[in-house]
């Protein structure tokens, strides 16, 4: 069997593996492997040259992937438990000297008041102002 076809088949297997596994790691290896197979079919290089071509193509692919990845400010909040909570309303379900427990939607969260608010009672309506790690900073809503 032609070595170029073996490279191309291996690249297609990598791309198929990319469909089964999360992330985009195998994408770059698969594309570099297919490109190497095409170059092997066209140029018929030595084994050492083939390995160098594969490594160069892999580095170029990874570099382009890094250069054109979507830009985010700070850390992306996608799939984080606290994403989208700022601005939402809820209810205080427990108030103690050590902190609050609030219900937002169908979830309960530890919470605290901002420094300029002294206290609030159970059953009070609140709005989430910020998220500090996994603790919500909430402000009571005026009646």
N, C-alpha and C. Protein backbone atom coordinates (compact mmCIF):
# COMPACT_ATOMS: atom_id res chain seq x y z
N UNK A 1 0.85 -1.19 0.00
CA UNK A 1 0.00 0.00 0.00
C UNK A 1 0.89 1.24 0.00
N UNK A 2 0.43 2.26 -0.69
CA UNK A 2 1.18 3.51 -0.81
C UNK A 2 1.28 4.21 0.55
N UNK A 3 2.48 4.66 0.97
CA UNK A 3 2.61 5.34 2.27
C UNK A 3 1.74 6.60 2.37
N UNK A 4 1.53 7.30 1.28
CA UNK A 4 0.67 8.49 1.30
C UNK A 4 -0.76 8.15 1.67
N UNK A 5 -1.25 7.02 1.16
CA UNK A 5 -2.61 6.60 1.50
C UNK A 5 -2.71 6.19 2.98
N UNK A 6 -1.64 5.60 3.51
CA UNK A 6 -1.64 5.24 4.93
C UNK A 6 -1.72 6.50 5.78
N UNK A 7 -0.97 7.54 5.41
CA UNK A 7 -1.03 8.82 6.14
C UNK A 7 -2.44 9.41 6.08
N UNK A 8 -3.03 9.38 4.87
CA UNK A 8 -4.38 9.94 4.70
C UNK A 8 -5.39 9.14 5.51
N UNK A 9 -5.31 7.82 5.49
CA UNK A 9 -6.22 6.98 6.27
C UNK A 9 -6.06 7.26 7.77
N UNK A 10 -4.82 7.39 8.23
CA UNK A 10 -4.59 7.70 9.64
C UNK A 10 -5.19 9.07 9.99
N UNK A 11 -5.06 10.04 9.09
CA UNK A 11 -5.65 11.36 9.32
C UNK A 11 -7.16 11.31 9.39
N UNK A 12 -7.78 10.52 8.52
CA UNK A 12 -9.23 10.38 8.55
C UNK A 12 -9.68 9.71 9.85
N UNK A 13 -8.91 8.73 10.33
CA UNK A 13 -9.24 8.11 11.62
C UNK A 13 -9.13 9.12 12.76
N UNK A 14 -8.13 10.00 12.70
CA UNK A 14 -8.01 11.05 13.72
C UNK A 14 -9.22 11.99 13.68
N UNK A 15 -9.64 12.39 12.49
CA UNK A 15 -10.80 13.27 12.38
C UNK A 15 -12.07 12.56 12.88
N UNK A 16 -12.19 11.25 12.61
CA UNK A 16 -13.32 10.50 13.13
C UNK A 16 -13.26 10.45 14.66
N UNK A 17 -12.07 10.26 15.20
CA UNK A 17 -11.90 10.28 16.65
C UNK A 17 -12.27 11.63 17.25
N UNK A 18 -12.04 12.68 16.51
CA UNK A 18 -12.40 14.04 16.97
C UNK A 18 -13.91 14.15 17.14
N UNK A 19 -14.66 13.46 16.31
CA UNK A 19 -16.13 13.48 16.44
C UNK A 19 -16.58 12.77 17.72
N UNK A 20 -15.82 11.80 18.17
CA UNK A 20 -16.21 11.02 19.33
C UNK A 20 -15.73 11.61 20.65
N UNK A 21 -14.62 12.34 20.62
CA UNK A 21 -14.02 12.87 21.85
C UNK A 21 -14.25 14.37 21.95
N UNK A 22 -14.37 14.88 23.17
CA UNK A 22 -14.55 16.34 23.32
C UNK A 22 -13.26 17.09 23.04
N UNK A 23 -13.39 18.36 22.71
CA UNK A 23 -12.22 19.20 22.45
C UNK A 23 -11.89 19.23 20.97
N UNK A 24 -10.77 19.87 20.65
CA UNK A 24 -10.34 19.94 19.26
C UNK A 24 -8.91 19.48 19.11
N UNK A 25 -8.44 18.62 20.00
CA UNK A 25 -7.05 18.18 19.97
C UNK A 25 -6.74 17.35 18.74
N UNK A 26 -7.56 16.36 18.42
CA UNK A 26 -7.28 15.46 17.30
C UNK A 26 -7.48 16.13 15.94
N UNK A 27 -8.18 17.25 15.91
CA UNK A 27 -8.39 17.97 14.65
C UNK A 27 -7.07 18.35 14.00
N UNK A 28 -6.18 18.95 14.77
CA UNK A 28 -4.91 19.42 14.22
C UNK A 28 -4.02 18.26 13.79
N UNK A 29 -4.02 17.20 14.57
CA UNK A 29 -3.22 16.03 14.21
C UNK A 29 -3.78 15.40 12.93
N UNK A 30 -5.10 15.28 12.85
CA UNK A 30 -5.72 14.69 11.67
C UNK A 30 -5.47 15.50 10.41
N UNK A 31 -5.61 16.83 10.50
CA UNK A 31 -5.37 17.68 9.33
C UNK A 31 -3.90 17.63 8.90
N UNK A 32 -2.99 17.66 9.86
CA UNK A 32 -1.56 17.58 9.53
C UNK A 32 -1.22 16.23 8.92
N UNK A 33 -1.86 15.17 9.39
CA UNK A 33 -1.61 13.83 8.86
C UNK A 33 -2.13 13.71 7.43
N UNK A 34 -3.30 14.24 7.15
CA UNK A 34 -3.83 14.20 5.78
C UNK A 34 -2.96 15.02 4.84
N UNK A 35 -2.56 16.22 5.27
CA UNK A 35 -1.69 17.06 4.43
C UNK A 35 -0.35 16.37 4.19
N UNK A 36 0.18 15.71 5.20
CA UNK A 36 1.44 14.98 5.03
C UNK A 36 1.25 13.85 4.01
N UNK A 37 0.13 13.14 4.09
CA UNK A 37 -0.14 12.08 3.12
C UNK A 37 -0.22 12.60 1.70
N UNK A 38 -0.85 13.75 1.52
CA UNK A 38 -0.91 14.34 0.17
C UNK A 38 0.48 14.73 -0.34
N UNK A 39 1.29 15.31 0.55
CA UNK A 39 2.65 15.67 0.16
C UNK A 39 3.51 14.44 -0.13
N UNK A 40 3.33 13.38 0.64
CA UNK A 40 4.07 12.14 0.39
C UNK A 40 3.70 11.57 -0.97
N UNK A 41 2.42 11.64 -1.34
CA UNK A 41 1.99 11.14 -2.65
C UNK A 41 2.55 12.00 -3.79
N UNK A 42 2.68 13.31 -3.55
CA UNK A 42 3.18 14.20 -4.61
C UNK A 42 4.70 14.21 -4.71
N UNK A 43 5.41 14.20 -3.58
CA UNK A 43 6.85 14.44 -3.59
C UNK A 43 7.70 13.19 -3.37
N UNK A 44 7.16 12.13 -2.76
CA UNK A 44 7.89 10.91 -2.43
C UNK A 44 9.18 11.21 -1.65
N UNK A 45 9.04 11.88 -0.48
CA UNK A 45 10.23 12.22 0.31
C UNK A 45 10.75 11.03 1.12
N UNK A 46 11.91 11.23 1.74
CA UNK A 46 12.46 10.20 2.64
C UNK A 46 11.65 10.19 3.94
N UNK A 47 11.89 9.16 4.77
CA UNK A 47 11.15 9.05 6.03
C UNK A 47 11.43 10.25 6.93
N UNK A 48 12.68 10.64 7.05
CA UNK A 48 13.04 11.78 7.90
C UNK A 48 12.38 13.07 7.44
N UNK A 49 12.34 13.28 6.13
CA UNK A 49 11.68 14.48 5.59
C UNK A 49 10.18 14.42 5.85
N UNK A 50 9.59 13.24 5.77
CA UNK A 50 8.16 13.08 6.04
C UNK A 50 7.84 13.45 7.48
N UNK A 51 8.67 13.00 8.41
CA UNK A 51 8.44 13.31 9.83
C UNK A 51 8.57 14.81 10.07
N UNK A 52 9.54 15.45 9.46
CA UNK A 52 9.71 16.89 9.60
C UNK A 52 8.51 17.63 9.01
N UNK A 53 8.04 17.18 7.83
CA UNK A 53 6.87 17.83 7.22
C UNK A 53 5.65 17.72 8.14
N UNK A 54 5.44 16.52 8.72
CA UNK A 54 4.30 16.34 9.61
C UNK A 54 4.40 17.29 10.81
N UNK A 55 5.57 17.36 11.42
CA UNK A 55 5.73 18.23 12.59
C UNK A 55 5.53 19.70 12.25
N UNK A 56 6.05 20.13 11.10
CA UNK A 56 5.88 21.53 10.69
C UNK A 56 4.40 21.82 10.42
N UNK A 57 3.73 20.91 9.71
CA UNK A 57 2.30 21.11 9.43
C UNK A 57 1.48 21.12 10.72
N UNK A 58 1.83 20.27 11.67
CA UNK A 58 1.12 20.24 12.94
C UNK A 58 1.32 21.55 13.70
N UNK A 59 2.55 22.05 13.75
CA UNK A 59 2.81 23.32 14.43
C UNK A 59 2.10 24.48 13.75
N UNK A 60 2.06 24.50 12.43
CA UNK A 60 1.36 25.56 11.70
C UNK A 60 -0.14 25.49 11.99
N UNK A 61 -0.71 24.29 11.99
CA UNK A 61 -2.14 24.15 12.27
C UNK A 61 -2.49 24.58 13.68
N UNK A 62 -1.70 24.17 14.66
CA UNK A 62 -1.96 24.57 16.04
C UNK A 62 -1.79 26.08 16.19
N UNK A 63 -0.76 26.63 15.56
CA UNK A 63 -0.55 28.09 15.62
C UNK A 63 -1.71 28.87 15.02
N UNK A 64 -2.23 28.41 13.88
CA UNK A 64 -3.38 29.08 13.27
C UNK A 64 -4.62 28.93 14.15
N UNK A 65 -4.78 27.77 14.77
CA UNK A 65 -5.92 27.56 15.67
C UNK A 65 -5.87 28.50 16.86
N UNK A 66 -4.68 28.71 17.41
CA UNK A 66 -4.53 29.63 18.53
C UNK A 66 -4.75 31.06 18.09
N UNK A 67 -4.24 31.41 16.92
CA UNK A 67 -4.37 32.79 16.43
C UNK A 67 -5.83 33.17 16.15
N UNK A 68 -6.60 32.25 15.63
CA UNK A 68 -7.97 32.57 15.22
C UNK A 68 -9.04 32.08 16.19
N UNK A 69 -8.66 31.67 17.40
CA UNK A 69 -9.67 31.24 18.36
C UNK A 69 -10.47 32.46 18.82
N UNK A 70 -11.71 32.23 19.24
CA UNK A 70 -12.54 33.36 19.69
C UNK A 70 -11.91 34.04 20.90
N UNK A 71 -11.95 35.36 20.90
CA UNK A 71 -11.38 36.13 22.00
C UNK A 71 -12.42 36.29 23.11
N UNK A 72 -11.98 36.14 24.36
CA UNK A 72 -12.86 36.37 25.51
C UNK A 72 -12.16 37.31 26.46
N UNK A 73 -12.92 38.08 27.17
CA UNK A 73 -12.36 38.96 28.19
C UNK A 73 -12.35 38.22 29.51
N UNK A 74 -11.20 38.10 30.12
CA UNK A 74 -11.10 37.37 31.38
C UNK A 74 -11.37 35.90 31.16
N UNK A 75 -11.98 35.28 32.09
CA UNK A 75 -12.31 33.87 31.99
C UNK A 75 -13.74 33.72 31.49
N UNK A 76 -13.95 32.88 30.48
CA UNK A 76 -15.31 32.72 29.99
C UNK A 76 -16.19 32.09 31.06
N UNK A 77 -17.45 32.52 31.10
CA UNK A 77 -18.38 32.02 32.11
C UNK A 77 -19.28 30.92 31.56
N UNK A 78 -18.94 30.38 30.40
CA UNK A 78 -19.77 29.35 29.80
C UNK A 78 -19.70 28.09 30.67
N UNK A 79 -20.82 27.49 30.90
CA UNK A 79 -20.96 26.27 31.69
C UNK A 79 -20.53 26.43 33.14
N UNK A 80 -20.49 27.63 33.63
CA UNK A 80 -20.21 27.86 35.04
C UNK A 80 -21.56 27.94 35.75
N UNK A 81 -21.61 27.42 36.96
CA UNK A 81 -22.88 27.39 37.69
C UNK A 81 -23.41 28.79 37.97
N UNK A 82 -22.54 29.78 38.10
CA UNK A 82 -22.98 31.12 38.46
C UNK A 82 -23.16 32.04 37.26
N UNK A 83 -22.99 31.55 36.04
CA UNK A 83 -23.13 32.41 34.88
C UNK A 83 -24.58 32.83 34.70
N UNK A 84 -24.80 34.08 34.42
CA UNK A 84 -26.14 34.58 34.18
C UNK A 84 -26.95 34.88 35.42
N UNK A 85 -26.35 34.86 36.61
CA UNK A 85 -27.12 35.13 37.82
C UNK A 85 -27.20 36.61 38.15
N UNK A 86 -26.23 37.40 37.72
CA UNK A 86 -26.24 38.83 38.05
C UNK A 86 -27.47 39.47 37.41
N UNK A 87 -28.22 40.20 38.25
CA UNK A 87 -29.43 40.86 37.79
C UNK A 87 -30.71 40.06 38.04
N UNK A 88 -30.58 38.80 38.37
CA UNK A 88 -31.77 37.97 38.61
C UNK A 88 -32.34 38.24 40.00
N UNK A 89 -33.63 38.06 40.12
CA UNK A 89 -34.32 38.27 41.40
C UNK A 89 -34.51 36.94 42.09
N UNK A 90 -34.64 37.01 43.42
CA UNK A 90 -34.84 35.81 44.20
C UNK A 90 -35.44 36.14 45.55
N UNK A 91 -35.42 35.15 46.45
CA UNK A 91 -36.03 35.29 47.77
C UNK A 91 -35.04 34.77 48.81
N UNK A 92 -34.97 35.46 49.95
CA UNK A 92 -34.15 34.99 51.07
C UNK A 92 -34.90 33.84 51.73
N UNK A 93 -34.24 32.67 51.81
CA UNK A 93 -34.91 31.53 52.44
C UNK A 93 -34.34 31.26 53.83
N UNK A 94 -33.18 31.82 54.15
CA UNK A 94 -32.61 31.69 55.50
C UNK A 94 -31.69 32.87 55.75
N UNK A 95 -31.86 33.50 56.91
CA UNK A 95 -31.02 34.63 57.29
C UNK A 95 -30.45 34.34 58.68
N UNK A 96 -29.13 34.37 58.77
CA UNK A 96 -28.47 34.15 60.06
C UNK A 96 -27.30 35.12 60.17
N UNK A 97 -26.70 35.25 61.35
CA UNK A 97 -25.55 36.15 61.50
C UNK A 97 -24.36 35.74 60.63
N UNK A 98 -24.27 34.47 60.26
CA UNK A 98 -23.15 34.01 59.45
C UNK A 98 -23.36 34.21 57.96
N UNK A 99 -24.57 34.46 57.52
CA UNK A 99 -24.83 34.67 56.10
C UNK A 99 -26.26 34.38 55.71
N UNK A 100 -26.51 34.47 54.44
CA UNK A 100 -27.85 34.25 53.90
C UNK A 100 -27.87 33.02 53.03
N UNK A 101 -29.06 32.52 52.82
CA UNK A 101 -29.30 31.49 51.83
C UNK A 101 -30.45 32.01 50.99
N UNK A 102 -30.25 32.09 49.66
CA UNK A 102 -31.28 32.64 48.78
C UNK A 102 -31.66 31.60 47.74
N UNK A 103 -32.89 31.76 47.24
CA UNK A 103 -33.37 30.89 46.16
C UNK A 103 -33.48 31.75 44.91
N UNK A 104 -32.76 31.30 43.88
CA UNK A 104 -32.82 31.92 42.55
C UNK A 104 -33.32 30.84 41.61
N UNK A 105 -34.48 31.04 41.03
CA UNK A 105 -35.06 30.00 40.18
C UNK A 105 -35.33 28.75 40.99
N UNK A 106 -34.71 27.63 40.60
CA UNK A 106 -34.91 26.39 41.34
C UNK A 106 -33.69 25.97 42.14
N UNK A 107 -32.74 26.91 42.37
CA UNK A 107 -31.51 26.59 43.09
C UNK A 107 -31.35 27.47 44.32
N UNK A 108 -30.73 26.91 45.35
CA UNK A 108 -30.39 27.65 46.56
C UNK A 108 -28.91 28.00 46.52
N UNK A 109 -28.60 29.24 46.97
CA UNK A 109 -27.23 29.72 46.92
C UNK A 109 -26.84 30.36 48.25
N UNK A 110 -25.57 30.23 48.65
CA UNK A 110 -25.10 31.04 49.77
C UNK A 110 -24.99 32.48 49.30
N UNK A 111 -25.28 33.42 50.18
CA UNK A 111 -25.28 34.82 49.77
C UNK A 111 -24.81 35.70 50.91
N UNK A 112 -24.47 36.92 50.54
CA UNK A 112 -24.15 37.94 51.53
C UNK A 112 -24.66 39.26 51.01
N UNK A 113 -24.80 40.21 51.94
CA UNK A 113 -25.27 41.55 51.58
C UNK A 113 -24.07 42.43 51.26
N UNK A 114 -24.27 43.47 50.45
CA UNK A 114 -23.19 44.44 50.25
C UNK A 114 -22.90 45.18 51.56
N UNK A 115 -21.76 45.82 51.64
CA UNK A 115 -21.33 46.47 52.89
C UNK A 115 -22.28 47.58 53.35
N UNK A 116 -22.97 48.22 52.41
CA UNK A 116 -23.83 49.34 52.81
C UNK A 116 -25.23 48.90 53.26
N UNK A 117 -25.49 47.60 53.28
CA UNK A 117 -26.78 47.08 53.74
C UNK A 117 -26.53 46.28 55.01
N UNK A 118 -27.30 46.58 56.06
CA UNK A 118 -27.05 45.93 57.35
C UNK A 118 -27.69 44.56 57.48
N UNK A 119 -28.97 44.43 57.12
CA UNK A 119 -29.62 43.14 57.29
C UNK A 119 -30.84 43.05 56.40
N UNK A 120 -31.37 41.83 56.33
CA UNK A 120 -32.62 41.58 55.63
C UNK A 120 -33.28 40.38 56.31
N UNK A 121 -34.55 40.22 56.09
CA UNK A 121 -35.31 39.16 56.76
C UNK A 121 -35.60 38.02 55.80
N UNK A 122 -35.93 36.88 56.37
CA UNK A 122 -36.36 35.75 55.55
C UNK A 122 -37.62 36.14 54.79
N UNK A 123 -37.72 35.68 53.56
CA UNK A 123 -38.88 35.99 52.73
C UNK A 123 -38.73 37.27 51.94
N UNK A 124 -37.67 38.05 52.21
CA UNK A 124 -37.47 39.31 51.48
C UNK A 124 -37.05 39.04 50.05
N UNK A 125 -37.53 39.88 49.15
CA UNK A 125 -37.12 39.79 47.74
C UNK A 125 -35.75 40.45 47.58
N UNK A 126 -34.91 39.82 46.78
CA UNK A 126 -33.56 40.34 46.56
C UNK A 126 -33.24 40.35 45.07
N UNK A 127 -32.18 41.06 44.73
CA UNK A 127 -31.64 41.04 43.36
C UNK A 127 -30.14 40.78 43.48
N UNK A 128 -29.61 39.92 42.61
CA UNK A 128 -28.18 39.58 42.63
C UNK A 128 -27.40 40.72 41.98
N UNK A 129 -26.42 41.26 42.73
CA UNK A 129 -25.57 42.34 42.22
C UNK A 129 -24.25 41.83 41.67
N UNK A 130 -23.71 40.77 42.29
CA UNK A 130 -22.41 40.25 41.87
C UNK A 130 -22.28 38.81 42.35
N UNK A 131 -21.23 38.16 41.87
CA UNK A 131 -20.91 36.80 42.31
C UNK A 131 -19.47 36.82 42.80
N UNK A 132 -19.27 36.38 44.04
CA UNK A 132 -17.94 36.32 44.65
C UNK A 132 -17.63 34.86 44.89
N UNK A 133 -16.85 34.25 44.00
CA UNK A 133 -16.62 32.81 43.99
C UNK A 133 -17.98 32.13 43.85
N UNK A 134 -18.43 31.40 44.85
CA UNK A 134 -19.75 30.75 44.77
C UNK A 134 -20.76 31.42 45.70
N UNK A 135 -20.43 32.60 46.20
CA UNK A 135 -21.34 33.34 47.07
C UNK A 135 -21.93 34.50 46.29
N UNK A 136 -23.25 34.64 46.34
CA UNK A 136 -23.90 35.75 45.65
C UNK A 136 -23.91 36.97 46.54
N UNK A 137 -23.68 38.13 45.93
CA UNK A 137 -23.83 39.40 46.63
C UNK A 137 -25.20 39.94 46.22
N UNK A 138 -26.10 40.04 47.22
CA UNK A 138 -27.49 40.38 46.91
C UNK A 138 -27.91 41.65 47.64
N UNK A 139 -28.85 42.38 47.03
CA UNK A 139 -29.39 43.60 47.63
C UNK A 139 -30.90 43.42 47.75
N UNK A 140 -31.46 43.73 48.94
CA UNK A 140 -32.92 43.64 49.10
C UNK A 140 -33.62 44.63 48.16
N UNK A 141 -34.74 44.19 47.62
CA UNK A 141 -35.54 45.08 46.78
C UNK A 141 -36.48 45.89 47.69
N UNK A 142 -36.70 47.14 47.33
CA UNK A 142 -37.60 47.98 48.11
C UNK A 142 -39.02 47.46 47.95
N UNK A 143 -39.82 47.49 49.02
CA UNK A 143 -41.22 47.02 48.92
C UNK A 143 -42.05 47.95 48.05
